[in-house]
PDB file of N, CA and C in Angstrom:
ATOM      1  N   LYS A   1      24.189 -13.036 -35.945  1.00  0.00           N
ATOM      2  CA  LYS A   1      25.578 -12.973 -36.356  1.00  0.00           C
ATOM      3  C   LYS A   1      26.427 -12.430 -35.207  1.00  0.00           C
ATOM      4  N   ILE A   2      27.525 -13.078 -34.990  1.00  0.00           N
ATOM      5  CA  ILE A   2      28.422 -12.680 -33.900  1.00  0.00           C
ATOM      6  C   ILE A   2      29.213 -11.446 -34.308  1.00  0.00           C
ATOM      7  N   GLN A   3      29.215 -10.447 -33.452  1.00  0.00           N
ATOM      8  CA  GLN A   3      29.975  -9.229 -33.691  1.00  0.00           C
ATOM      9  C   GLN A   3      31.320  -9.266 -32.964  1.00  0.00           C
ATOM     10  N   THR A   4      31.289  -9.567 -31.678  1.00  0.00           N
ATOM     11  CA  THR A   4      32.528  -9.655 -30.905  1.00  0.00           C
ATOM     12  C   THR A   4      32.444 -10.791 -29.900  1.00  0.00           C
ATOM     13  N   LEU A   5      33.603 -11.292 -29.539  1.00  0.00           N
ATOM     14  CA  LEU A   5      33.745 -12.300 -28.489  1.00  0.00           C
ATOM     15  C   LEU A   5      34.782 -11.780 -27.518  1.00  0.00           C
ATOM     16  N   HIS A   6      34.544 -11.923 -26.240  1.00  0.00           N
ATOM     17  CA  HIS A   6      35.568 -11.526 -25.292  1.00  0.00           C
ATOM     18  C   HIS A   6      35.417 -12.269 -23.964  1.00  0.00           C
ATOM     19  N   VAL A   7      36.536 -12.333 -23.249  1.00  0.00           N
ATOM     20  CA  VAL A   7      36.564 -12.957 -21.931  1.00  0.00           C
ATOM     21  C   VAL A   7      36.587 -11.841 -20.903  1.00  0.00           C
ATOM     22  N   MET A   8      35.700 -11.929 -19.928  1.00  0.00           N
ATOM     23  CA  MET A   8      35.668 -10.944 -18.840  1.00  0.00           C
ATOM     24  C   MET A   8      36.006 -11.663 -17.538  1.00  0.00           C
ATOM     25  N   VAL A   9      36.784 -10.980 -16.694  1.00  0.00           N
ATOM     26  CA  VAL A   9      37.168 -11.553 -15.400  1.00  0.00           C
ATOM     27  C   VAL A   9      36.954 -10.499 -14.328  1.00  0.00           C
ATOM     28  N   SER A  10      36.079 -10.801 -13.379  1.00  0.00           N
ATOM     29  CA  SER A  10      35.876  -9.899 -12.241  1.00  0.00           C
ATOM     30  C   SER A  10      36.956 -10.199 -11.197  1.00  0.00           C
ATOM     31  N   PRO A  11      37.161  -9.298 -10.246  1.00  0.00           N
ATOM     32  CA  PRO A  11      38.152  -9.578  -9.194  1.00  0.00           C
ATOM     33  C   PRO A  11      37.843 -10.872  -8.431  1.00  0.00           C
ATOM     34  N   PHE A  12      36.564 -11.132  -8.178  1.00  0.00           N
ATOM     35  CA  PHE A  12      36.183 -12.364  -7.474  1.00  0.00           C
ATOM     36  C   PHE A  12      36.520 -13.583  -8.320  1.00  0.00           C
ATOM     37  N   GLN A  13      36.195 -13.528  -9.621  1.00  0.00           N
ATOM     38  CA  GLN A  13      36.503 -14.647 -10.508  1.00  0.00           C
ATOM     39  C   GLN A  13      38.016 -14.871 -10.588  1.00  0.00           C
ATOM     40  N   ARG A  14      38.787 -13.795 -10.668  1.00  0.00           N
ATOM     41  CA  ARG A  14      40.248 -13.905 -10.767  1.00  0.00           C
ATOM     42  C   ARG A  14      40.811 -14.679  -9.575  1.00  0.00           C
ATOM     43  N   ARG A  15      40.306 -14.384  -8.371  1.00  0.00           N
ATOM     44  CA  ARG A  15      40.771 -15.074  -7.166  1.00  0.00           C
ATOM     45  C   ARG A  15      40.531 -16.573  -7.225  1.00  0.00           C
ATOM     46  N   HIS A  16      39.475 -16.971  -7.937  1.00  0.00           N
ATOM     47  CA  HIS A  16      39.084 -18.385  -7.999  1.00  0.00           C
ATOM     48  C   HIS A  16      39.444 -19.043  -9.326  1.00  0.00           C
ATOM     49  N   GLY A  17      40.160 -18.336 -10.193  1.00  0.00           N
ATOM     50  CA  GLY A  17      40.578 -18.907 -11.475  1.00  0.00           C
ATOM     51  C   GLY A  17      39.434 -19.096 -12.449  1.00  0.00           C
ATOM     52  N   LEU A  18      38.436 -18.212 -12.372  1.00  0.00           N
ATOM     53  CA  LEU A  18      37.253 -18.311 -13.226  1.00  0.00           C
ATOM     54  C   LEU A  18      37.170 -17.113 -14.168  1.00  0.00           C
ATOM     55  N   ALA A  19      36.311 -17.234 -15.191  1.00  0.00           N
ATOM     56  CA  ALA A  19      36.094 -16.148 -16.145  1.00  0.00           C
ATOM     57  C   ALA A  19      34.720 -16.321 -16.783  1.00  0.00           C
ATOM     58  N   SER A  20      34.296 -15.314 -17.534  1.00  0.00           N
ATOM     59  CA  SER A  20      33.048 -15.367 -18.293  1.00  0.00           C
ATOM     60  C   SER A  20      33.363 -15.094 -19.756  1.00  0.00           C
ATOM     61  N   VAL A  21      32.724 -15.845 -20.655  1.00  0.00           N
ATOM     62  CA  VAL A  21      32.875 -15.635 -22.087  1.00  0.00           C
ATOM     63  C   VAL A  21      31.607 -14.935 -22.570  1.00  0.00           C
ATOM     64  N   VAL A  22      31.777 -13.755 -23.175  1.00  0.00           N
ATOM     65  CA  VAL A  22      30.637 -12.935 -23.605  1.00  0.00           C
ATOM     66  C   VAL A  22      30.615 -12.879 -25.130  1.00  0.00           C
ATOM     67  N   VAL A  23      29.415 -13.060 -25.695  1.00  0.00           N
ATOM     68  CA  VAL A  23      29.216 -13.014 -27.142  1.00  0.00           C
ATOM     69  C   VAL A  23      28.291 -11.843 -27.458  1.00  0.00           C
ATOM     70  N   ASP A  24      28.776 -10.878 -28.243  1.00  0.00           N
ATOM     71  CA  ASP A  24      27.926  -9.773 -28.699  1.00  0.00           C
ATOM     72  C   ASP A  24      27.406 -10.131 -30.081  1.00  0.00           C
ATOM     73  N   THR A  25      26.087  -9.976 -30.263  1.00  0.00           N
ATOM     74  CA  THR A  25      25.485 -10.317 -31.551  1.00  0.00           C
ATOM     75  C   THR A  25      24.930  -9.074 -32.231  1.00  0.00           C
ATOM     76  N   ALA A  26      24.656  -9.208 -33.525  1.00  0.00           N
ATOM     77  CA  ALA A  26      24.147  -8.096 -34.314  1.00  0.00           C
ATOM     78  C   ALA A  26      22.749  -7.686 -33.868  1.00  0.00           C
ATOM     79  N   SER A  27      21.997  -8.614 -33.290  1.00  0.00           N
ATOM     80  CA  SER A  27      20.621  -8.306 -32.912  1.00  0.00           C
ATOM     81  C   SER A  27      20.529  -7.431 -31.674  1.00  0.00           C
ATOM     82  N   GLY A  28      21.631  -7.288 -30.958  1.00  0.00           N
ATOM     83  CA  GLY A  28      21.580  -6.500 -29.726  1.00  0.00           C
ATOM     84  C   GLY A  28      20.846  -7.286 -28.654  1.00  0.00           C
ATOM     85  N   GLY A  29      20.238  -6.606 -27.744  1.00  0.00           N
ATOM     86  CA  GLY A  29      19.495  -7.285 -26.686  1.00  0.00           C
ATOM     87  C   GLY A  29      20.417  -8.022 -25.741  1.00  0.00           C
ATOM     88  N   ALA A  30      19.924  -9.133 -25.215  1.00  0.00           N
ATOM     89  CA  ALA A  30      20.687  -9.917 -24.244  1.00  0.00           C
ATOM     90  C   ALA A  30      21.937 -10.507 -24.896  1.00  0.00           C
ATOM     91  N   GLN A  31      23.036 -10.524 -24.144  1.00  0.00           N
ATOM     92  CA  GLN A  31      24.286 -11.088 -24.632  1.00  0.00           C
ATOM     93  C   GLN A  31      24.436 -12.505 -24.095  1.00  0.00           C
ATOM     94  N   PRO A  32      24.563 -13.485 -24.982  1.00  0.00           N
ATOM     95  CA  PRO A  32      24.839 -14.839 -24.481  1.00  0.00           C
ATOM     96  C   PRO A  32      26.163 -14.824 -23.707  1.00  0.00           C
ATOM     97  N   THR A  33      26.166 -15.377 -22.506  1.00  0.00           N
ATOM     98  CA  THR A  33      27.355 -15.347 -21.657  1.00  0.00           C
ATOM     99  C   THR A  33      27.518 -16.679 -20.936  1.00  0.00           C
ATOM    100  N   LEU A  34      28.730 -17.221 -20.998  1.00  0.00           N
ATOM    101  CA  LEU A  34      29.077 -18.385 -20.190  1.00  0.00           C
ATOM    102  C   LEU A  34      29.740 -17.842 -18.937  1.00  0.00           C
ATOM    103  N   ILE A  35      29.147 -18.119 -17.784  1.00  0.00           N
ATOM    104  CA  ILE A  35      29.615 -17.529 -16.540  1.00  0.00           C
ATOM    105  C   ILE A  35      30.365 -18.574 -15.709  1.00  0.00           C
ATOM    106  N   ASP A  36      31.453 -18.132 -15.095  1.00  0.00           N
ATOM    107  CA  ASP A  36      32.228 -18.936 -14.143  1.00  0.00           C
ATOM    108  C   ASP A  36      32.762 -20.243 -14.721  1.00  0.00           C
ATOM    109  N   VAL A  37      33.424 -20.132 -15.856  1.00  0.00           N
ATOM    110  CA  VAL A  37      34.161 -21.278 -16.380  1.00  0.00           C
ATOM    111  C   VAL A  37      35.634 -21.052 -16.047  1.00  0.00           C
ATOM    112  N   GLY A  38      36.421 -22.101 -16.046  1.00  0.00           N
ATOM    113  CA  GLY A  38      37.845 -21.962 -15.761  1.00  0.00           C
ATOM    114  C   GLY A  38      38.501 -21.018 -16.760  1.00  0.00           C
ATOM    115  N   THR A  39      39.502 -20.283 -16.303  1.00  0.00           N
ATOM    116  CA  THR A  39      40.165 -19.297 -17.162  1.00  0.00           C
ATOM    117  C   THR A  39      40.738 -19.938 -18.411  1.00  0.00           C
ATOM    118  N   ALA A  40      41.419 -21.064 -18.274  1.00  0.00           N
ATOM    119  CA  ALA A  40      41.995 -21.758 -19.431  1.00  0.00           C
ATOM    120  C   ALA A  40      40.898 -22.233 -20.381  1.00  0.00           C
ATOM    121  N   GLU A  41      39.811 -22.748 -19.817  1.00  0.00           N
ATOM    122  CA  GLU A  41      38.697 -23.209 -20.641  1.00  0.00           C
ATOM    123  C   GLU A  41      38.037 -22.033 -21.367  1.00  0.00           C
ATOM    124  N   ALA A  42      37.913 -20.889 -20.692  1.00  0.00           N
ATOM    125  CA  ALA A  42      37.334 -19.699 -21.317  1.00  0.00           C
ATOM    126  C   ALA A  42      38.179 -19.250 -22.507  1.00  0.00           C
ATOM    127  N   GLU A  43      39.503 -19.229 -22.345  1.00  0.00           N
ATOM    128  CA  GLU A  43      40.389 -18.848 -23.447  1.00  0.00           C
ATOM    129  C   GLU A  43      40.287 -19.841 -24.600  1.00  0.00           C
ATOM    130  N   SER A  44      40.189 -21.125 -24.273  1.00  0.00           N
ATOM    131  CA  SER A  44      40.054 -22.161 -25.298  1.00  0.00           C
ATOM    132  C   SER A  44      38.734 -22.016 -26.050  1.00  0.00           C
ATOM    133  N   LEU A  45      37.645 -21.797 -25.318  1.00  0.00           N
ATOM    134  CA  LEU A  45      36.332 -21.598 -25.950  1.00  0.00           C
ATOM    135  C   LEU A  45      36.338 -20.369 -26.850  1.00  0.00           C
ATOM    136  N   LEU A  46      36.960 -19.297 -26.383  1.00  0.00           N
ATOM    137  CA  LEU A  46      37.062 -18.079 -27.179  1.00  0.00           C
ATOM    138  C   LEU A  46      37.787 -18.356 -28.496  1.00  0.00           C
ATOM    139  N   ALA A  47      38.905 -19.062 -28.426  1.00  0.00           N
ATOM    140  CA  ALA A  47      39.674 -19.380 -29.633  1.00  0.00           C
ATOM    141  C   ALA A  47      38.872 -20.270 -30.579  1.00  0.00           C
ATOM    142  N   GLN A  48      38.153 -21.261 -30.044  1.00  0.00           N
ATOM    143  CA  GLN A  48      37.344 -22.156 -30.874  1.00  0.00           C
ATOM    144  C   GLN A  48      36.211 -21.401 -31.566  1.00  0.00           C
ATOM    145  N   MET A  49      35.514 -20.551 -30.805  1.00  0.00           N
ATOM    146  CA  MET A  49      34.409 -19.791 -31.404  1.00  0.00           C
ATOM    147  C   MET A  49      34.922 -18.813 -32.446  1.00  0.00           C
ATOM    148  N   ALA A  50      36.044 -18.159 -32.177  1.00  0.00           N
ATOM    149  CA  ALA A  50      36.616 -17.225 -33.145  1.00  0.00           C
ATOM    150  C   ALA A  50      36.988 -17.953 -34.439  1.00  0.00           C
ATOM    151  N   ALA A  51      37.551 -19.153 -34.321  1.00  0.00           N
ATOM    152  CA  ALA A  51      37.905 -19.934 -35.510  1.00  0.00           C
ATOM    153  C   ALA A  51      36.653 -20.305 -36.299  1.00  0.00           C
ATOM    154  N   ARG A  52      35.599 -20.700 -35.604  1.00  0.00           N
ATOM    155  CA  ARG A  52      34.348 -21.053 -36.293  1.00  0.00           C
ATOM    156  C   ARG A  52      33.737 -19.843 -36.996  1.00  0.00           C
ATOM    157  N   VAL A  53      33.820 -18.680 -36.362  1.00  0.00           N
ATOM    158  CA  VAL A  53      33.301 -17.456 -36.978  1.00  0.00           C
ATOM    159  C   VAL A  53      34.088 -17.149 -38.251  1.00  0.00           C
ATOM    160  N   ARG A  54      35.436 -17.264 -38.177  1.00  0.00           N
ATOM    161  CA  ARG A  54      36.268 -17.003 -39.364  1.00  0.00           C
ATOM    162  C   ARG A  54      35.933 -17.953 -40.497  1.00  0.00           C
ATOM    163  N   ILE A  55      35.727 -19.241 -40.188  1.00  0.00           N
ATOM    164  CA  ILE A  55      35.387 -20.232 -41.212  1.00  0.00           C
ATOM    165  C   ILE A  55      34.037 -19.915 -41.833  1.00  0.00           C
ATOM    166  N   ALA A  56      33.036 -19.598 -40.995  1.00  0.00           N
ATOM    167  CA  ALA A  56      31.701 -19.286 -41.509  1.00  0.00           C
ATOM    168  C   ALA A  56      31.727 -18.051 -42.399  1.00  0.00           C
ATOM    169  N   ARG A  57      32.475 -17.019 -41.993  1.00  0.00           N
ATOM    170  CA  ARG A  57      32.576 -15.812 -42.814  1.00  0.00           C
ATOM    171  C   ARG A  57      33.263 -16.100 -44.137  1.00  0.00           C
ATOM    172  N   ALA A  58      34.308 -16.923 -44.109  1.00  0.00           N
ATOM    173  CA  ALA A  58      35.016 -17.270 -45.342  1.00  0.00           C
ATOM    174  C   ALA A  58      34.098 -18.045 -46.286  1.00  0.00           C
ATOM    175  N   LYS A  59      33.282 -18.951 -45.745  1.00  0.00           N
ATOM    176  CA  LYS A  59      32.335 -19.708 -46.580  1.00  0.00           C
ATOM    177  C   LYS A  59      31.301 -18.770 -47.203  1.00  0.00           C
ATOM    178  N   ARG A  60      30.765 -17.845 -46.392  1.00  0.00           N
ATOM    179  CA  ARG A  60      29.777 -16.903 -46.935  1.00  0.00           C
ATOM    180  C   ARG A  60      30.394 -16.047 -48.023  1.00  0.00           C
ATOM    181  N   ARG A  61      31.636 -15.598 -47.786  1.00  0.00           N
ATOM    182  CA  ARG A  61      32.336 -14.760 -48.759  1.00  0.00           C
ATOM    183  C   ARG A  61      32.586 -15.548 -50.052  1.00  0.00           C
ATOM    184  N   ALA A  62      32.968 -16.825 -49.937  1.00  0.00           N
ATOM    185  CA  ALA A  62      33.235 -17.660 -51.103  1.00  0.00           C
ATOM    186  C   ALA A  62      31.960 -17.876 -51.911  1.00  0.00           C
ATOM    187  N   ILE A  63      30.852 -18.097 -51.222  1.00  0.00           N
ATOM    188  CA  ILE A  63      29.580 -18.297 -51.921  1.00  0.00           C
ATOM    189  C   ILE A  63      29.157 -17.011 -52.611  1.00  0.00           C
ATOM    190  N   ARG A  64      29.308 -15.898 -51.923  1.00  0.00           N
ATOM    191  CA  ARG A  64      28.881 -14.612 -52.481  1.00  0.00           C
ATOM    192  C   ARG A  64      29.672 -14.263 -53.735  1.00  0.00           C
ATOM    193  N   PHE A  65      30.983 -14.523 -53.737  1.00  0.00           N
ATOM    194  CA  PHE A  65      31.812 -14.135 -54.869  1.00  0.00           C
ATOM    195  C   PHE A  65      31.958 -15.225 -55.921  1.00  0.00           C
ATOM    196  N   SER A  66      31.440 -16.442 -55.666  1.00  0.00           N
ATOM    197  CA  SER A  66      31.548 -17.493 -56.669  1.00  0.00           C
ATOM    198  C   SER A  66      30.475 -17.357 -57.741  1.00  0.00           C
ATOM    199  N   VAL A  67      29.376 -16.680 -57.434  1.00  0.00           N
ATOM    200  CA  VAL A  67      28.315 -16.464 -58.410  1.00  0.00           C
ATOM    201  C   VAL A  67      28.669 -15.214 -59.200  1.00  0.00           C
ATOM    202  N   ARG A  68      28.968 -15.399 -60.458  1.00  0.00           N
ATOM    203  CA  ARG A  68      29.389 -14.280 -61.295  1.00  0.00           C
ATOM    204  C   ARG A  68      28.356 -14.037 -62.384  1.00  0.00           C
ATOM    205  N   ASP A  69      28.314 -12.809 -62.860  1.00  0.00           N
ATOM    206  CA  ASP A  69      27.455 -12.497 -63.996  1.00  0.00           C
ATOM    207  C   ASP A  69      28.021 -13.181 -65.229  1.00  0.00           C
ATOM    208  N   PRO A  70      27.156 -13.664 -66.097  1.00  0.00           N
ATOM    209  CA  PRO A  70      27.681 -14.281 -67.306  1.00  0.00           C
ATOM    210  C   PRO A  70      28.471 -13.260 -68.115  1.00  0.00           C
ATOM    211  N   ILE A  71      29.549 -13.723 -68.709  1.00  0.00           N
ATOM    212  CA  ILE A  71      30.389 -12.833 -69.516  1.00  0.00           C
ATOM    213  C   ILE A  71      29.773 -12.740 -70.905  1.00  0.00           C
ATOM    214  N   LEU A  72      29.448 -11.540 -71.295  1.00  0.00           N
ATOM    215  CA  LEU A  72      28.858 -11.308 -72.608  1.00  0.00           C
ATOM    216  C   LEU A  72      29.971 -11.121 -73.623  1.00  0.00           C
ATOM    217  N   PRO A  73      29.782 -11.663 -74.829  1.00  0.00           N
ATOM    218  CA  PRO A  73      30.834 -11.488 -75.845  1.00  0.00           C
ATOM    219  C   PRO A  73      30.971 -10.015 -76.232  1.00  0.00           C
ATOM    220  N   LEU A  74      32.207  -9.596 -76.508  1.00  0.00           N
ATOM    221  CA  LEU A  74      32.452  -8.237 -76.948  1.00  0.00           C
ATOM    222  C   LEU A  74      32.013  -8.084 -78.396  1.00  0.00           C
ATOM    223  N   PRO A  75      31.489  -6.928 -78.765  1.00  0.00           N
ATOM    224  CA  PRO A  75      31.093  -6.730 -80.168  1.00  0.00           C
ATOM    225  C   PRO A  75      32.331  -6.751 -81.077  1.00  0.00           C
ATOM    226  N   GLU A  76      32.135  -7.234 -82.288  1.00  0.00           N
ATOM    227  CA  GLU A  76      33.217  -7.270 -83.269  1.00  0.00           C
ATOM    228  C   GLU A  76      33.617  -5.846 -83.637  1.00  0.00           C
ATOM    229  N   PRO A  77      34.924  -5.587 -83.821  1.00  0.00           N
ATOM    230  CA  PRO A  77      35.334  -4.237 -84.208  1.00  0.00           C
ATOM    231  C   PRO A  77      34.807  -3.882 -85.601  1.00  0.00           C
ATOM    232  N   ALA A  78      34.430  -2.640 -85.822  1.00  0.00           N
ATOM    233  CA  ALA A  78      33.843  -2.228 -87.104  1.00  0.00           C
ATOM    234  C   ALA A  78      34.887  -1.901 -88.140  1.00  0.00           C
TER     235      ALA A  78
END
C-alpha cells in the first residue's frame, strides 16, 4: 500500500530539468523510485499515481461500508 508519493530534485537534476519520483510503501524497505525523468513528466506521473491511489481507497472504503449487518426487527412494545 502506498503511503506517500513525492518528487525529489537534486541540484544536478535541476540543472538538467530532471527529477525523481519516490513512492513510500507500508512495507518499508526499498522505496520504488523513478530516477532522472523530465520534471514535467515527474509531476504528471505524481498526479496520475495520486489519482489512482484516491480511486483505489474510495473503492475499498465503498466495499467496506456497503456490507451492513442485517437489521433486526424491534420488539413490539408491551
